[in-house]
């Protein structure tokens, strides 16, 4: 389950991704925004009763068109417990396509333009 903590930021990122053809499209789907959001949403799978095992809370990140996320597991009926956090970061010419440059300060194995999950 995805929990959008800042709808305005989320909508801006989706609009940008669609505008530049990186939302959902032919090609390498792993770097498209919709694919990465779907991966996070399904992280942890479902319990036997069909309820989500985990939830992912998305927040704005300091890097352009990026998110900070927290993955939590269901502790009991009304409580969630933090498992880990990370970033769903947009890489492109602004950060050397994932070379570790500002503003993301994150490295990818292959340089590309699109979104990558970092933990």
N, C-alpha and C. Protein backbone atom coordinates (compact mmCIF):
# COMPACT_ATOMS: atom_id res chain seq x y z
N UNK A 1 0.85 -1.16 0.00
CA UNK A 1 0.00 0.00 0.00
C UNK A 1 0.90 1.24 0.00
N UNK A 2 0.57 2.18 -0.87
CA UNK A 2 1.27 3.46 -0.90
C UNK A 2 0.46 4.50 -0.12
N UNK A 3 1.14 5.25 0.71
CA UNK A 3 0.53 6.35 1.43
C UNK A 3 1.24 7.62 0.96
N UNK A 4 0.52 8.47 0.26
CA UNK A 4 1.08 9.70 -0.28
C UNK A 4 0.99 10.77 0.81
N UNK A 5 2.12 11.20 1.34
CA UNK A 5 2.12 12.16 2.44
C UNK A 5 2.06 13.61 1.96
N UNK A 6 2.35 13.84 0.68
CA UNK A 6 2.28 15.19 0.12
C UNK A 6 1.74 15.06 -1.30
N UNK A 7 0.43 15.18 -1.45
CA UNK A 7 -0.23 14.95 -2.74
C UNK A 7 0.25 15.94 -3.80
N UNK A 8 0.49 17.18 -3.42
CA UNK A 8 0.94 18.19 -4.38
C UNK A 8 2.27 17.77 -5.00
N UNK A 9 3.23 17.38 -4.17
CA UNK A 9 4.54 16.94 -4.68
C UNK A 9 4.39 15.70 -5.55
N UNK A 10 3.59 14.75 -5.10
CA UNK A 10 3.36 13.53 -5.86
C UNK A 10 2.81 13.86 -7.25
N UNK A 11 1.79 14.71 -7.30
CA UNK A 11 1.18 15.09 -8.57
C UNK A 11 2.18 15.80 -9.48
N UNK A 12 3.03 16.64 -8.92
CA UNK A 12 4.04 17.34 -9.71
C UNK A 12 5.04 16.36 -10.32
N UNK A 13 5.45 15.37 -9.56
CA UNK A 13 6.40 14.38 -10.06
C UNK A 13 5.76 13.54 -11.16
N UNK A 14 4.53 13.10 -10.96
CA UNK A 14 3.83 12.31 -11.99
C UNK A 14 3.65 13.14 -13.26
N UNK A 15 3.26 14.39 -13.12
CA UNK A 15 3.10 15.27 -14.28
C UNK A 15 4.41 15.42 -15.04
N UNK A 16 5.50 15.63 -14.30
CA UNK A 16 6.83 15.74 -14.93
C UNK A 16 7.18 14.45 -15.66
N UNK A 17 6.99 13.30 -15.01
CA UNK A 17 7.34 12.02 -15.62
C UNK A 17 6.56 11.80 -16.92
N UNK A 18 5.29 12.13 -16.91
CA UNK A 18 4.48 11.98 -18.12
C UNK A 18 4.94 12.94 -19.22
N UNK A 19 5.28 14.16 -18.82
CA UNK A 19 5.70 15.18 -19.78
C UNK A 19 6.98 14.77 -20.51
N UNK A 20 7.90 14.15 -19.81
CA UNK A 20 9.18 13.77 -20.42
C UNK A 20 9.20 12.31 -20.90
N UNK A 21 8.04 11.64 -20.88
CA UNK A 21 7.94 10.28 -21.39
C UNK A 21 8.57 9.22 -20.51
N UNK A 22 8.62 9.48 -19.20
CA UNK A 22 9.24 8.52 -18.28
C UNK A 22 8.26 7.99 -17.23
N UNK A 23 6.97 8.07 -17.53
CA UNK A 23 6.00 7.54 -16.57
C UNK A 23 5.77 6.06 -16.83
N UNK A 24 5.13 5.73 -17.91
CA UNK A 24 4.99 4.34 -18.33
C UNK A 24 5.07 4.34 -19.84
N UNK A 25 5.93 3.53 -20.38
CA UNK A 25 6.25 3.62 -21.79
C UNK A 25 6.96 2.34 -22.21
N UNK A 26 7.12 2.18 -23.51
CA UNK A 26 7.93 1.07 -24.00
C UNK A 26 9.38 1.34 -23.61
N UNK A 27 10.17 0.30 -23.58
CA UNK A 27 11.58 0.47 -23.23
C UNK A 27 11.87 -0.16 -21.89
N UNK A 28 12.90 0.31 -21.24
CA UNK A 28 13.33 -0.25 -19.96
C UNK A 28 12.38 0.19 -18.86
N UNK A 29 11.41 -0.65 -18.55
CA UNK A 29 10.37 -0.31 -17.58
C UNK A 29 10.90 -0.12 -16.17
N UNK A 30 12.06 -0.70 -15.84
CA UNK A 30 12.57 -0.59 -14.48
C UNK A 30 12.87 0.84 -14.07
N UNK A 31 13.07 1.73 -15.03
CA UNK A 31 13.43 3.10 -14.70
C UNK A 31 12.26 4.06 -14.84
N UNK A 32 11.09 3.55 -15.18
CA UNK A 32 9.90 4.38 -15.31
C UNK A 32 9.27 4.58 -13.93
N UNK A 33 8.70 5.75 -13.72
CA UNK A 33 8.13 6.07 -12.42
C UNK A 33 7.02 5.11 -12.02
N UNK A 34 6.10 4.80 -12.92
CA UNK A 34 4.98 3.91 -12.58
C UNK A 34 5.48 2.53 -12.15
N UNK A 35 6.53 2.04 -12.80
CA UNK A 35 7.09 0.73 -12.44
C UNK A 35 7.68 0.75 -11.04
N UNK A 36 8.42 1.78 -10.71
CA UNK A 36 9.06 1.87 -9.39
C UNK A 36 8.02 2.07 -8.29
N UNK A 37 6.98 2.86 -8.57
CA UNK A 37 5.90 3.03 -7.58
C UNK A 37 5.18 1.71 -7.35
N UNK A 38 4.93 0.97 -8.43
CA UNK A 38 4.27 -0.33 -8.31
C UNK A 38 5.12 -1.31 -7.49
N UNK A 39 6.41 -1.30 -7.73
CA UNK A 39 7.32 -2.17 -6.97
C UNK A 39 7.23 -1.86 -5.47
N UNK A 40 7.29 -0.58 -5.14
CA UNK A 40 7.21 -0.21 -3.72
C UNK A 40 5.85 -0.57 -3.13
N UNK A 41 4.79 -0.32 -3.90
CA UNK A 41 3.44 -0.60 -3.41
C UNK A 41 3.25 -2.08 -3.08
N UNK A 42 3.86 -2.94 -3.86
CA UNK A 42 3.69 -4.39 -3.67
C UNK A 42 4.74 -5.00 -2.74
N UNK A 43 5.68 -4.19 -2.26
CA UNK A 43 6.74 -4.69 -1.41
C UNK A 43 6.14 -5.37 -0.17
N UNK A 44 6.55 -6.57 0.10
CA UNK A 44 6.07 -7.30 1.27
C UNK A 44 4.88 -8.19 1.00
N UNK A 45 4.16 -7.94 -0.09
CA UNK A 45 3.04 -8.79 -0.46
C UNK A 45 1.84 -8.66 0.48
N UNK A 46 1.02 -9.68 0.43
CA UNK A 46 -0.23 -9.70 1.20
C UNK A 46 -0.18 -10.82 2.25
N UNK A 47 -0.94 -10.64 3.32
CA UNK A 47 -1.12 -11.70 4.32
C UNK A 47 -2.16 -12.68 3.80
N UNK A 48 -2.35 -13.78 4.48
CA UNK A 48 -3.34 -14.78 4.08
C UNK A 48 -4.75 -14.22 4.00
N UNK A 49 -5.04 -13.22 4.84
CA UNK A 49 -6.38 -12.62 4.84
C UNK A 49 -6.54 -11.54 3.77
N UNK A 50 -5.50 -11.32 2.95
CA UNK A 50 -5.56 -10.33 1.87
C UNK A 50 -5.11 -8.94 2.26
N UNK A 51 -4.83 -8.72 3.54
CA UNK A 51 -4.36 -7.41 3.99
C UNK A 51 -2.89 -7.21 3.63
N UNK A 52 -2.51 -5.96 3.46
CA UNK A 52 -1.12 -5.65 3.15
C UNK A 52 -0.21 -6.00 4.32
N UNK A 53 0.94 -6.60 4.02
CA UNK A 53 1.96 -6.87 5.05
C UNK A 53 2.72 -5.59 5.39
N UNK A 54 2.87 -4.73 4.39
CA UNK A 54 3.65 -3.51 4.58
C UNK A 54 2.90 -2.32 3.98
N UNK A 55 3.36 -1.14 4.36
CA UNK A 55 2.91 0.08 3.69
C UNK A 55 4.14 0.93 3.43
N UNK A 56 4.06 1.71 2.38
CA UNK A 56 5.15 2.60 2.01
C UNK A 56 4.64 4.02 2.06
N UNK A 57 5.26 4.82 2.91
CA UNK A 57 4.89 6.23 3.04
C UNK A 57 5.86 7.06 2.20
N UNK A 58 5.32 7.84 1.25
CA UNK A 58 6.13 8.67 0.35
C UNK A 58 6.10 10.11 0.80
N UNK A 59 7.27 10.71 0.89
CA UNK A 59 7.44 12.11 1.27
C UNK A 59 8.28 12.81 0.20
N UNK A 60 8.21 14.14 0.09
CA UNK A 60 9.11 14.85 -0.81
C UNK A 60 10.56 14.64 -0.36
N UNK A 61 11.46 14.58 -1.32
CA UNK A 61 12.89 14.49 -1.05
C UNK A 61 13.53 15.81 -1.49
N UNK A 62 14.71 16.11 -1.02
CA UNK A 62 15.39 17.32 -1.41
C UNK A 62 15.84 17.34 -2.86
N UNK A 63 16.01 16.17 -3.45
CA UNK A 63 16.43 16.10 -4.85
C UNK A 63 15.21 16.30 -5.75
N UNK A 64 15.39 16.93 -6.91
CA UNK A 64 14.27 17.20 -7.81
C UNK A 64 13.53 15.93 -8.25
N UNK A 65 12.20 16.00 -8.23
CA UNK A 65 11.32 14.93 -8.72
C UNK A 65 11.59 13.59 -8.02
N UNK A 66 11.95 13.65 -6.77
CA UNK A 66 12.31 12.46 -6.00
C UNK A 66 11.48 12.36 -4.73
N UNK A 67 11.51 11.16 -4.13
CA UNK A 67 10.78 10.89 -2.90
C UNK A 67 11.70 10.26 -1.87
N UNK A 68 11.42 10.58 -0.63
CA UNK A 68 11.95 9.84 0.52
C UNK A 68 10.83 8.88 0.91
N UNK A 69 11.16 7.63 1.24
CA UNK A 69 10.11 6.70 1.65
C UNK A 69 10.48 5.98 2.93
N UNK A 70 9.44 5.55 3.64
CA UNK A 70 9.56 4.72 4.84
C UNK A 70 8.70 3.49 4.60
N UNK A 71 9.29 2.31 4.78
CA UNK A 71 8.52 1.07 4.67
C UNK A 71 8.25 0.57 6.09
N UNK A 72 6.97 0.34 6.36
CA UNK A 72 6.54 -0.11 7.68
C UNK A 72 5.80 -1.43 7.55
N UNK A 73 5.94 -2.29 8.57
CA UNK A 73 5.18 -3.54 8.60
C UNK A 73 4.09 -3.43 9.64
N UNK A 74 3.04 -4.16 9.41
CA UNK A 74 1.90 -4.13 10.33
C UNK A 74 2.29 -4.87 11.61
N UNK A 75 2.24 -4.16 12.72
CA UNK A 75 2.60 -4.72 14.02
C UNK A 75 1.40 -5.42 14.64
N UNK A 76 0.26 -4.76 14.58
CA UNK A 76 -0.99 -5.34 15.06
C UNK A 76 -2.13 -4.62 14.35
N UNK A 77 -3.32 -4.80 14.80
CA UNK A 77 -4.50 -4.24 14.12
C UNK A 77 -4.41 -2.74 13.84
N UNK A 78 -3.80 -1.99 14.76
CA UNK A 78 -3.81 -0.53 14.64
C UNK A 78 -2.43 0.12 14.59
N UNK A 79 -1.37 -0.69 14.62
CA UNK A 79 -0.02 -0.11 14.68
C UNK A 79 0.87 -0.61 13.54
N UNK A 80 1.73 0.30 13.07
CA UNK A 80 2.74 -0.03 12.07
C UNK A 80 4.11 0.20 12.68
N UNK A 81 5.08 -0.61 12.25
CA UNK A 81 6.44 -0.53 12.79
C UNK A 81 7.43 -0.31 11.63
N UNK A 82 8.32 0.65 11.79
CA UNK A 82 9.29 0.98 10.74
C UNK A 82 10.23 -0.20 10.49
N UNK A 83 10.39 -0.54 9.22
CA UNK A 83 11.35 -1.56 8.81
C UNK A 83 12.63 -0.90 8.31
N UNK A 84 12.49 -0.03 7.31
CA UNK A 84 13.64 0.70 6.77
C UNK A 84 13.14 1.85 5.92
N UNK A 85 14.07 2.69 5.51
CA UNK A 85 13.71 3.83 4.68
C UNK A 85 14.71 3.97 3.55
N UNK A 86 14.37 4.85 2.61
CA UNK A 86 15.24 5.04 1.46
C UNK A 86 14.72 6.16 0.58
N UNK A 87 15.17 6.12 -0.66
CA UNK A 87 14.75 7.15 -1.61
C UNK A 87 14.35 6.55 -2.94
N UNK A 88 13.34 7.13 -3.54
CA UNK A 88 12.96 6.86 -4.92
C UNK A 88 13.44 8.10 -5.67
N UNK A 89 14.63 8.01 -6.26
CA UNK A 89 15.33 9.17 -6.76
C UNK A 89 15.29 9.26 -8.28
N UNK A 90 15.11 10.49 -8.75
CA UNK A 90 15.16 10.76 -10.19
C UNK A 90 16.59 11.09 -10.57
N UNK A 91 17.11 10.34 -11.55
CA UNK A 91 18.45 10.57 -12.07
C UNK A 91 18.35 11.09 -13.49
N UNK A 92 19.26 11.98 -13.83
CA UNK A 92 19.32 12.54 -15.17
C UNK A 92 20.55 13.42 -15.29
N UNK A 93 20.53 14.32 -16.25
CA UNK A 93 21.69 15.17 -16.49
C UNK A 93 22.02 16.05 -15.27
N UNK A 94 21.00 16.36 -14.46
CA UNK A 94 21.21 17.21 -13.29
C UNK A 94 22.10 16.58 -12.22
N UNK A 95 22.24 15.23 -12.23
CA UNK A 95 23.09 14.56 -11.23
C UNK A 95 24.09 13.62 -11.89
N UNK A 96 24.43 13.90 -13.14
CA UNK A 96 25.40 13.03 -13.83
C UNK A 96 24.83 11.66 -14.13
N UNK A 97 23.51 11.56 -14.27
CA UNK A 97 22.81 10.30 -14.57
C UNK A 97 23.13 9.21 -13.54
N UNK A 98 23.18 9.59 -12.28
CA UNK A 98 23.42 8.62 -11.22
C UNK A 98 24.88 8.42 -10.88
N UNK A 99 25.72 9.43 -11.15
CA UNK A 99 27.17 9.31 -10.91
C UNK A 99 27.58 9.64 -9.48
N UNK A 100 26.62 10.06 -8.65
CA UNK A 100 26.92 10.44 -7.28
C UNK A 100 26.98 11.93 -7.07
N UNK A 101 26.80 12.69 -8.16
CA UNK A 101 26.84 14.15 -8.06
C UNK A 101 25.61 14.69 -7.33
N UNK A 102 25.72 15.95 -6.93
CA UNK A 102 24.57 16.66 -6.36
C UNK A 102 23.51 16.78 -7.45
N UNK A 103 22.25 16.88 -7.16
CA UNK A 103 21.68 17.01 -5.82
C UNK A 103 21.25 15.68 -5.19
N UNK A 104 21.38 14.55 -5.91
CA UNK A 104 20.93 13.28 -5.33
C UNK A 104 21.99 12.63 -4.45
N UNK A 105 23.26 12.84 -4.82
CA UNK A 105 24.38 12.22 -4.10
C UNK A 105 24.21 10.70 -4.02
N UNK A 106 23.68 10.11 -5.08
CA UNK A 106 23.44 8.67 -5.12
C UNK A 106 24.05 8.10 -6.40
N UNK A 107 24.58 6.91 -6.29
CA UNK A 107 25.26 6.26 -7.41
C UNK A 107 24.42 5.11 -7.93
N UNK A 108 24.38 4.98 -9.25
CA UNK A 108 23.76 3.81 -9.89
C UNK A 108 24.85 3.05 -10.64
N UNK A 109 24.65 1.77 -10.85
CA UNK A 109 25.64 0.96 -11.58
C UNK A 109 25.71 1.36 -13.04
N UNK A 110 24.57 1.64 -13.62
CA UNK A 110 24.49 2.09 -15.01
C UNK A 110 23.96 3.51 -15.01
N UNK A 111 24.58 4.38 -15.76
CA UNK A 111 24.09 5.75 -15.85
C UNK A 111 22.88 5.80 -16.77
N UNK A 112 21.82 6.44 -16.32
CA UNK A 112 20.56 6.48 -17.06
C UNK A 112 19.76 7.69 -16.63
N UNK A 113 18.64 7.91 -17.31
CA UNK A 113 17.67 8.93 -16.92
C UNK A 113 16.40 8.20 -16.51
N UNK A 114 15.97 8.40 -15.28
CA UNK A 114 14.77 7.75 -14.75
C UNK A 114 14.85 7.63 -13.24
N UNK A 115 14.02 6.78 -12.69
CA UNK A 115 13.91 6.63 -11.24
C UNK A 115 14.58 5.36 -10.77
N UNK A 116 15.19 5.43 -9.60
CA UNK A 116 15.88 4.29 -9.00
C UNK A 116 15.59 4.28 -7.50
N UNK A 117 15.45 3.09 -6.96
CA UNK A 117 15.21 2.92 -5.53
C UNK A 117 16.55 2.75 -4.83
N UNK A 118 16.77 3.55 -3.80
CA UNK A 118 18.00 3.48 -3.01
C UNK A 118 17.64 3.28 -1.54
N UNK A 119 18.31 2.33 -0.88
CA UNK A 119 18.07 2.08 0.55
C UNK A 119 19.38 2.16 1.30
